[in-house]
């Protein structure tokens, strides 16, 4: 999803909990945890800060397993507008 959005001339900020994954996305444009063989678009960056990821966002795409979505939203209701 991030690649489709980025290819349509939008900046994409991915929230991830894993610092190593974030560093690899930002430095090498590769997601070391998923689909390592693909290079990510230059306008895709990552952060471990949910607040930073959603700051100024016009659209938030939530891509979580259904079973964790309610808890995630409840725990982060002060951050997600």
PDB file of N, CA and C in Angstrom:
ATOM      1  N   UNK A   1       0.814  -1.189   0.000  1.00  0.00           N
ATOM      2  CA  UNK A   1       0.000   0.000   0.000  1.00  0.00           C
ATOM      3  C   UNK A   1       0.859   1.254   0.000  1.00  0.00           C
ATOM      4  N   UNK A   2       1.924   1.229   0.776  1.00  0.00           N
ATOM      5  CA  UNK A   2       2.801   2.399   0.845  1.00  0.00           C
ATOM      6  C   UNK A   2       3.385   2.733  -0.518  1.00  0.00           C
ATOM      7  N   UNK A   3       3.759   1.725  -1.273  1.00  0.00           N
ATOM      8  CA  UNK A   3       4.348   1.956  -2.596  1.00  0.00           C
ATOM      9  C   UNK A   3       3.338   2.579  -3.537  1.00  0.00           C
ATOM     10  N   UNK A   4       2.108   2.124  -3.517  1.00  0.00           N
ATOM     11  CA  UNK A   4       1.070   2.694  -4.379  1.00  0.00           C
ATOM     12  C   UNK A   4       0.869   4.174  -4.050  1.00  0.00           C
ATOM     13  N   UNK A   5       0.792   4.486  -2.780  1.00  0.00           N
ATOM     14  CA  UNK A   5       0.605   5.878  -2.357  1.00  0.00           C
ATOM     15  C   UNK A   5       1.817   6.714  -2.767  1.00  0.00           C
ATOM     16  N   UNK A   6       3.015   6.210  -2.539  1.00  0.00           N
ATOM     17  CA  UNK A   6       4.242   6.944  -2.882  1.00  0.00           C
ATOM     18  C   UNK A   6       4.359   7.165  -4.390  1.00  0.00           C
ATOM     19  N   UNK A   7       4.000   6.170  -5.171  1.00  0.00           N
ATOM     20  CA  UNK A   7       4.068   6.311  -6.632  1.00  0.00           C
ATOM     21  C   UNK A   7       3.098   7.365  -7.153  1.00  0.00           C
ATOM     22  N   UNK A   8       2.098   7.689  -6.355  1.00  0.00           N
ATOM     23  CA  UNK A   8       1.134   8.713  -6.724  1.00  0.00           C
ATOM     24  C   UNK A   8       1.499  10.070  -6.118  1.00  0.00           C
ATOM     25  N   UNK A   9       2.796  10.254  -5.887  1.00  0.00           N
ATOM     26  CA  UNK A   9       3.386  11.542  -5.500  1.00  0.00           C
ATOM     27  C   UNK A   9       2.990  12.016  -4.098  1.00  0.00           C
ATOM     28  N   UNK A  10       2.856  11.071  -3.180  1.00  0.00           N
ATOM     29  CA  UNK A  10       2.576  11.416  -1.790  1.00  0.00           C
ATOM     30  C   UNK A  10       3.737  10.923  -0.919  1.00  0.00           C
ATOM     31  N   UNK A  11       4.019  11.675   0.133  1.00  0.00           N
ATOM     32  CA  UNK A  11       5.007  11.231   1.104  1.00  0.00           C
ATOM     33  C   UNK A  11       4.358  10.205   2.023  1.00  0.00           C
ATOM     34  N   UNK A  12       5.098   9.174   2.359  1.00  0.00           N
ATOM     35  CA  UNK A  12       4.578   8.098   3.205  1.00  0.00           C
ATOM     36  C   UNK A  12       5.497   7.941   4.407  1.00  0.00           C
ATOM     37  N   UNK A  13       4.880   7.912   5.586  1.00  0.00           N
ATOM     38  CA  UNK A  13       5.626   7.686   6.824  1.00  0.00           C
ATOM     39  C   UNK A  13       5.081   6.417   7.453  1.00  0.00           C
ATOM     40  N   UNK A  14       5.932   5.412   7.587  1.00  0.00           N
ATOM     41  CA  UNK A  14       5.549   4.129   8.170  1.00  0.00           C
ATOM     42  C   UNK A  14       5.897   4.133   9.652  1.00  0.00           C
ATOM     43  N   UNK A  15       4.944   3.684  10.465  1.00  0.00           N
ATOM     44  CA  UNK A  15       5.212   3.486  11.880  1.00  0.00           C
ATOM     45  C   UNK A  15       5.598   2.028  12.086  1.00  0.00           C
ATOM     46  N   UNK A  16       6.720   1.797  12.735  1.00  0.00           N
ATOM     47  CA  UNK A  16       7.162   0.446  13.055  1.00  0.00           C
ATOM     48  C   UNK A  16       7.752   0.452  14.465  1.00  0.00           C
ATOM     49  N   UNK A  17       7.601  -0.630  15.168  1.00  0.00           N
ATOM     50  CA  UNK A  17       8.121  -0.715  16.539  1.00  0.00           C
ATOM     51  C   UNK A  17       9.586  -1.112  16.577  1.00  0.00           C
ATOM     52  N   UNK A  18      10.080  -1.710  15.513  1.00  0.00           N
ATOM     53  CA  UNK A  18      11.431  -2.248  15.458  1.00  0.00           C
ATOM     54  C   UNK A  18      12.408  -1.201  14.926  1.00  0.00           C
ATOM     55  N   UNK A  19      13.333  -0.743  15.771  1.00  0.00           N
ATOM     56  CA  UNK A  19      14.280   0.303  15.368  1.00  0.00           C
ATOM     57  C   UNK A  19      15.161  -0.139  14.204  1.00  0.00           C
ATOM     58  N   UNK A  20      15.582  -1.382  14.196  1.00  0.00           N
ATOM     59  CA  UNK A  20      16.416  -1.884  13.106  1.00  0.00           C
ATOM     60  C   UNK A  20      15.661  -1.807  11.770  1.00  0.00           C
ATOM     61  N   UNK A  21      14.406  -2.157  11.794  1.00  0.00           N
ATOM     62  CA  UNK A  21      13.574  -2.085  10.592  1.00  0.00           C
ATOM     63  C   UNK A  21      13.451  -0.637  10.109  1.00  0.00           C
ATOM     64  N   UNK A  22      13.213   0.270  11.031  1.00  0.00           N
ATOM     65  CA  UNK A  22      13.106   1.693  10.701  1.00  0.00           C
ATOM     66  C   UNK A  22      14.413   2.205  10.099  1.00  0.00           C
ATOM     67  N   UNK A  23      15.524   1.877  10.716  1.00  0.00           N
ATOM     68  CA  UNK A  23      16.828   2.326  10.221  1.00  0.00           C
ATOM     69  C   UNK A  23      17.093   1.817   8.812  1.00  0.00           C
ATOM     70  N   UNK A  24      16.755   0.573   8.556  1.00  0.00           N
ATOM     71  CA  UNK A  24      16.989  -0.027   7.242  1.00  0.00           C
ATOM     72  C   UNK A  24      16.096   0.624   6.179  1.00  0.00           C
ATOM     73  N   UNK A  25      14.848   0.888   6.528  1.00  0.00           N
ATOM     74  CA  UNK A  25      13.948   1.566   5.588  1.00  0.00           C
ATOM     75  C   UNK A  25      14.480   2.953   5.265  1.00  0.00           C
ATOM     76  N   UNK A  26      14.904   3.691   6.270  1.00  0.00           N
ATOM     77  CA  UNK A  26      15.369   5.061   6.054  1.00  0.00           C
ATOM     78  C   UNK A  26      16.712   5.133   5.330  1.00  0.00           C
ATOM     79  N   UNK A  27      17.598   4.216   5.626  1.00  0.00           N
ATOM     80  CA  UNK A  27      18.944   4.272   5.039  1.00  0.00           C
ATOM     81  C   UNK A  27      19.041   3.581   3.684  1.00  0.00           C
ATOM     82  N   UNK A  28      18.367   2.436   3.559  1.00  0.00           N
ATOM     83  CA  UNK A  28      18.554   1.617   2.364  1.00  0.00           C
ATOM     84  C   UNK A  28      17.279   1.415   1.550  1.00  0.00           C
ATOM     85  N   UNK A  29      16.167   1.948   2.039  1.00  0.00           N
ATOM     86  CA  UNK A  29      14.861   1.792   1.373  1.00  0.00           C
ATOM     87  C   UNK A  29      14.500   0.322   1.176  1.00  0.00           C
ATOM     88  N   UNK A  30      14.789  -0.474   2.207  1.00  0.00           N
ATOM     89  CA  UNK A  30      14.459  -1.896   2.210  1.00  0.00           C
ATOM     90  C   UNK A  30      13.810  -2.223   3.549  1.00  0.00           C
ATOM     91  N   UNK A  31      12.726  -2.981   3.509  1.00  0.00           N
ATOM     92  CA  UNK A  31      12.091  -3.442   4.732  1.00  0.00           C
ATOM     93  C   UNK A  31      12.688  -4.803   5.075  1.00  0.00           C
ATOM     94  N   UNK A  32      13.519  -4.846   6.089  1.00  0.00           N
ATOM     95  CA  UNK A  32      14.248  -6.068   6.435  1.00  0.00           C
ATOM     96  C   UNK A  32      13.347  -7.160   6.993  1.00  0.00           C
ATOM     97  N   UNK A  33      12.117  -6.824   7.345  1.00  0.00           N
ATOM     98  CA  UNK A  33      11.214  -7.818   7.928  1.00  0.00           C
ATOM     99  C   UNK A  33      10.244  -8.423   6.917  1.00  0.00           C
ATOM    100  N   UNK A  34       9.919  -7.668   5.879  1.00  0.00           N
ATOM    101  CA  UNK A  34       8.936  -8.126   4.897  1.00  0.00           C
ATOM    102  C   UNK A  34       9.398  -7.747   3.495  1.00  0.00           C
ATOM    103  N   UNK A  35       9.313  -8.677   2.579  1.00  0.00           N
ATOM    104  CA  UNK A  35       9.609  -8.430   1.160  1.00  0.00           C
ATOM    105  C   UNK A  35      10.962  -7.743   0.961  1.00  0.00           C
ATOM    106  N   UNK A  36      11.994  -8.338   1.543  1.00  0.00           N
ATOM    107  CA  UNK A  36      13.343  -7.763   1.513  1.00  0.00           C
ATOM    108  C   UNK A  36      13.874  -7.580   0.091  1.00  0.00           C
ATOM    109  N   UNK A  37      13.352  -8.320  -0.861  1.00  0.00           N
ATOM    110  CA  UNK A  37      13.868  -8.261  -2.226  1.00  0.00           C
ATOM    111  C   UNK A  37      13.407  -7.014  -2.986  1.00  0.00           C
ATOM    112  N   UNK A  38      12.491  -6.233  -2.410  1.00  0.00           N
ATOM    113  CA  UNK A  38      11.977  -5.050  -3.095  1.00  0.00           C
ATOM    114  C   UNK A  38      12.540  -3.772  -2.494  1.00  0.00           C
ATOM    115  N   UNK A  39      12.881  -2.848  -3.356  1.00  0.00           N
ATOM    116  CA  UNK A  39      13.335  -1.526  -2.931  1.00  0.00           C
ATOM    117  C   UNK A  39      12.120  -0.625  -2.766  1.00  0.00           C
ATOM    118  N   UNK A  40      12.070   0.080  -1.650  1.00  0.00           N
ATOM    119  CA  UNK A  40      10.965   0.995  -1.390  1.00  0.00           C
ATOM    120  C   UNK A  40      11.182   2.331  -2.095  1.00  0.00           C
ATOM    121  N   UNK A  41      10.107   2.984  -2.428  1.00  0.00           N
ATOM    122  CA  UNK A  41      10.145   4.300  -3.077  1.00  0.00           C
ATOM    123  C   UNK A  41      10.885   5.297  -2.186  1.00  0.00           C
ATOM    124  N   UNK A  42      11.564   6.246  -2.810  1.00  0.00           N
ATOM    125  CA  UNK A  42      12.365   7.240  -2.070  1.00  0.00           C
ATOM    126  C   UNK A  42      11.550   8.081  -1.099  1.00  0.00           C
ATOM    127  N   UNK A  43      10.258   8.255  -1.358  1.00  0.00           N
ATOM    128  CA  UNK A  43       9.450   9.111  -0.484  1.00  0.00           C
ATOM    129  C   UNK A  43       8.838   8.344   0.690  1.00  0.00           C
ATOM    130  N   UNK A  44       9.212   7.083   0.840  1.00  0.00           N
ATOM    131  CA  UNK A  44       8.759   6.294   1.985  1.00  0.00           C
ATOM    132  C   UNK A  44       9.833   6.354   3.066  1.00  0.00           C
ATOM    133  N   UNK A  45       9.441   6.822   4.243  1.00  0.00           N
ATOM    134  CA  UNK A  45      10.336   6.844   5.397  1.00  0.00           C
ATOM    135  C   UNK A  45       9.635   6.139   6.550  1.00  0.00           C
ATOM    136  N   UNK A  46      10.368   5.894   7.607  1.00  0.00           N
ATOM    137  CA  UNK A  46       9.805   5.178   8.747  1.00  0.00           C
ATOM    138  C   UNK A  46      10.212   5.832  10.057  1.00  0.00           C
ATOM    139  N   UNK A  47       9.450   5.542  11.097  1.00  0.00           N
ATOM    140  CA  UNK A  47       9.714   6.065  12.428  1.00  0.00           C
ATOM    141  C   UNK A  47       9.185   5.096  13.471  1.00  0.00           C
ATOM    142  N   UNK A  48       9.768   5.124  14.658  1.00  0.00           N
ATOM    143  CA  UNK A  48       9.249   4.340  15.773  1.00  0.00           C
ATOM    144  C   UNK A  48       8.280   5.160  16.620  1.00  0.00           C
ATOM    145  N   UNK A  49       8.044   6.395  16.217  1.00  0.00           N
ATOM    146  CA  UNK A  49       7.137   7.281  16.945  1.00  0.00           C
ATOM    147  C   UNK A  49       5.801   7.369  16.206  1.00  0.00           C
ATOM    148  N   UNK A  50       4.754   6.850  16.813  1.00  0.00           N
ATOM    149  CA  UNK A  50       3.435   6.939  16.202  1.00  0.00           C
ATOM    150  C   UNK A  50       3.013   8.396  16.048  1.00  0.00           C
ATOM    151  N   UNK A  51       3.312   9.218  17.041  1.00  0.00           N
ATOM    152  CA  UNK A  51       2.957  10.636  16.970  1.00  0.00           C
ATOM    153  C   UNK A  51       3.621  11.299  15.760  1.00  0.00           C
ATOM    154  N   UNK A  52       4.882  10.982  15.521  1.00  0.00           N
ATOM    155  CA  UNK A  52       5.587  11.527  14.364  1.00  0.00           C
ATOM    156  C   UNK A  52       4.974  11.002  13.064  1.00  0.00           C
ATOM    157  N   UNK A  53       4.601   9.744  13.050  1.00  0.00           N
ATOM    158  CA  UNK A  53       4.051   9.137  11.836  1.00  0.00           C
ATOM    159  C   UNK A  53       2.737   9.780  11.415  1.00  0.00           C
ATOM    160  N   UNK A  54       1.904  10.163  12.359  1.00  0.00           N
ATOM    161  CA  UNK A  54       0.587  10.718  12.011  1.00  0.00           C
ATOM    162  C   UNK A  54       0.562  12.246  11.969  1.00  0.00           C
ATOM    163  N   UNK A  55       1.624  12.877  12.420  1.00  0.00           N
ATOM    164  CA  UNK A  55       1.657  14.339  12.463  1.00  0.00           C
ATOM    165  C   UNK A  55       1.454  14.922  11.060  1.00  0.00           C
ATOM    166  N   UNK A  56       0.451  15.759  10.911  1.00  0.00           N
ATOM    167  CA  UNK A  56       0.183  16.429   9.647  1.00  0.00           C
ATOM    168  C   UNK A  56      -0.418  15.537   8.575  1.00  0.00           C
ATOM    169  N   UNK A  57      -0.751  14.311   8.921  1.00  0.00           N
ATOM    170  CA  UNK A  57      -1.285  13.372   7.928  1.00  0.00           C
ATOM    171  C   UNK A  57      -2.687  13.776   7.491  1.00  0.00           C
ATOM    172  N   UNK A  58      -2.934  13.684   6.201  1.00  0.00           N
ATOM    173  CA  UNK A  58      -4.277  13.881   5.672  1.00  0.00           C
ATOM    174  C   UNK A  58      -5.052  12.574   5.664  1.00  0.00           C
ATOM    175  N   UNK A  59      -4.312  11.481   5.632  1.00  0.00           N
ATOM    176  CA  UNK A  59      -4.915  10.149   5.589  1.00  0.00           C
ATOM    177  C   UNK A  59      -4.027   9.188   6.368  1.00  0.00           C
ATOM    178  N   UNK A  60      -4.642   8.347   7.172  1.00  0.00           N
ATOM    179  CA  UNK A  60      -3.921   7.314   7.900  1.00  0.00           C
ATOM    180  C   UNK A  60      -4.440   5.969   7.417  1.00  0.00           C
ATOM    181  N   UNK A  61      -3.545   5.142   6.921  1.00  0.00           N
ATOM    182  CA  UNK A  61      -3.908   3.782   6.520  1.00  0.00           C
ATOM    183  C   UNK A  61      -3.452   2.850   7.628  1.00  0.00           C
ATOM    184  N   UNK A  62      -4.398   2.201   8.241  1.00  0.00           N
ATOM    185  CA  UNK A  62      -4.109   1.291   9.343  1.00  0.00           C
ATOM    186  C   UNK A  62      -4.066  -0.126   8.783  1.00  0.00           C
ATOM    187  N   UNK A  63      -2.897  -0.738   8.829  1.00  0.00           N
ATOM    188  CA  UNK A  63      -2.725  -2.081   8.281  1.00  0.00           C
ATOM    189  C   UNK A  63      -2.219  -3.006   9.380  1.00  0.00           C
ATOM    190  N   UNK A  64      -3.144  -3.441  10.193  1.00  0.00           N
ATOM    191  CA  UNK A  64      -2.834  -4.320  11.324  1.00  0.00           C
ATOM    192  C   UNK A  64      -3.711  -5.563  11.241  1.00  0.00           C
ATOM    193  N   UNK A  65      -3.280  -6.649  11.856  1.00  0.00           N
ATOM    194  CA  UNK A  65      -4.171  -7.809  11.954  1.00  0.00           C
ATOM    195  C   UNK A  65      -5.439  -7.422  12.724  1.00  0.00           C
ATOM    196  N   UNK A  66      -6.564  -7.925  12.279  1.00  0.00           N
ATOM    197  CA  UNK A  66      -7.855  -7.563  12.878  1.00  0.00           C
ATOM    198  C   UNK A  66      -7.892  -7.805  14.385  1.00  0.00           C
ATOM    199  N   UNK A  67      -7.252  -8.862  14.845  1.00  0.00           N
ATOM    200  CA  UNK A  67      -7.336  -9.200  16.264  1.00  0.00           C
ATOM    201  C   UNK A  67      -6.611  -8.207  17.166  1.00  0.00           C
ATOM    202  N   UNK A  68      -5.669  -7.429  16.639  1.00  0.00           N
ATOM    203  CA  UNK A  68      -4.961  -6.453  17.480  1.00  0.00           C
ATOM    204  C   UNK A  68      -5.439  -5.021  17.261  1.00  0.00           C
ATOM    205  N   UNK A  69      -6.243  -4.798  16.231  1.00  0.00           N
ATOM    206  CA  UNK A  69      -6.677  -3.438  15.900  1.00  0.00           C
ATOM    207  C   UNK A  69      -7.427  -2.750  17.035  1.00  0.00           C
ATOM    208  N   UNK A  70      -8.441  -3.360  17.662  1.00  0.00           N
ATOM    209  CA  UNK A  70      -9.155  -2.654  18.738  1.00  0.00           C
ATOM    210  C   UNK A  70      -8.244  -2.216  19.885  1.00  0.00           C
ATOM    211  N   UNK A  71      -7.349  -3.087  20.320  1.00  0.00           N
ATOM    212  CA  UNK A  71      -6.438  -2.723  21.413  1.00  0.00           C
ATOM    213  C   UNK A  71      -5.479  -1.622  20.988  1.00  0.00           C
ATOM    214  N   UNK A  72      -4.957  -1.717  19.775  1.00  0.00           N
ATOM    215  CA  UNK A  72      -4.029  -0.693  19.277  1.00  0.00           C
ATOM    216  C   UNK A  72      -4.714   0.674  19.253  1.00  0.00           C
ATOM    217  N   UNK A  73      -5.917   0.725  18.718  1.00  0.00           N
ATOM    218  CA  UNK A  73      -6.648   1.999  18.647  1.00  0.00           C
ATOM    219  C   UNK A  73      -6.981   2.528  20.035  1.00  0.00           C
ATOM    220  N   UNK A  74      -7.367   1.651  20.926  1.00  0.00           N
ATOM    221  CA  UNK A  74      -7.685   2.065  22.303  1.00  0.00           C
ATOM    222  C   UNK A  74      -6.437   2.619  22.993  1.00  0.00           C
ATOM    223  N   UNK A  75      -5.299   1.933  22.838  1.00  0.00           N
ATOM    224  CA  UNK A  75      -4.059   2.366  23.477  1.00  0.00           C
ATOM    225  C   UNK A  75      -3.513   3.665  22.896  1.00  0.00           C
ATOM    226  N   UNK A  76      -3.861   3.964  21.665  1.00  0.00           N
ATOM    227  CA  UNK A  76      -3.290   5.137  20.988  1.00  0.00           C
ATOM    228  C   UNK A  76      -4.335   6.182  20.627  1.00  0.00           C
ATOM    229  N   UNK A  77      -5.474   6.173  21.299  1.00  0.00           N
ATOM    230  CA  UNK A  77      -6.551   7.098  20.953  1.00  0.00           C
ATOM    231  C   UNK A  77      -6.191   8.564  21.153  1.00  0.00           C
ATOM    232  N   UNK A  78      -5.214   8.845  21.990  1.00  0.00           N
ATOM    233  CA  UNK A  78      -4.789  10.239  22.196  1.00  0.00           C
ATOM    234  C   UNK A  78      -3.855  10.711  21.075  1.00  0.00           C
ATOM    235  N   UNK A  79      -3.253   9.780  20.355  1.00  0.00           N
ATOM    236  CA  UNK A  79      -2.282  10.123  19.314  1.00  0.00           C
ATOM    237  C   UNK A  79      -2.932  10.179  17.936  1.00  0.00           C
ATOM    238  N   UNK A  80      -3.803   9.220  17.660  1.00  0.00           N
ATOM    239  CA  UNK A  80      -4.431   9.138  16.345  1.00  0.00           C
ATOM    240  C   UNK A  80      -5.616  10.079  16.321  1.00  0.00           C
ATOM    241  N   UNK A  81      -5.602  11.061  15.398  1.00  0.00           N
ATOM    242  CA  UNK A  81      -6.694  12.055  15.379  1.00  0.00           C
ATOM    243  C   UNK A  81      -8.041  11.440  14.989  1.00  0.00           C
TER     244      UNK A  81
END
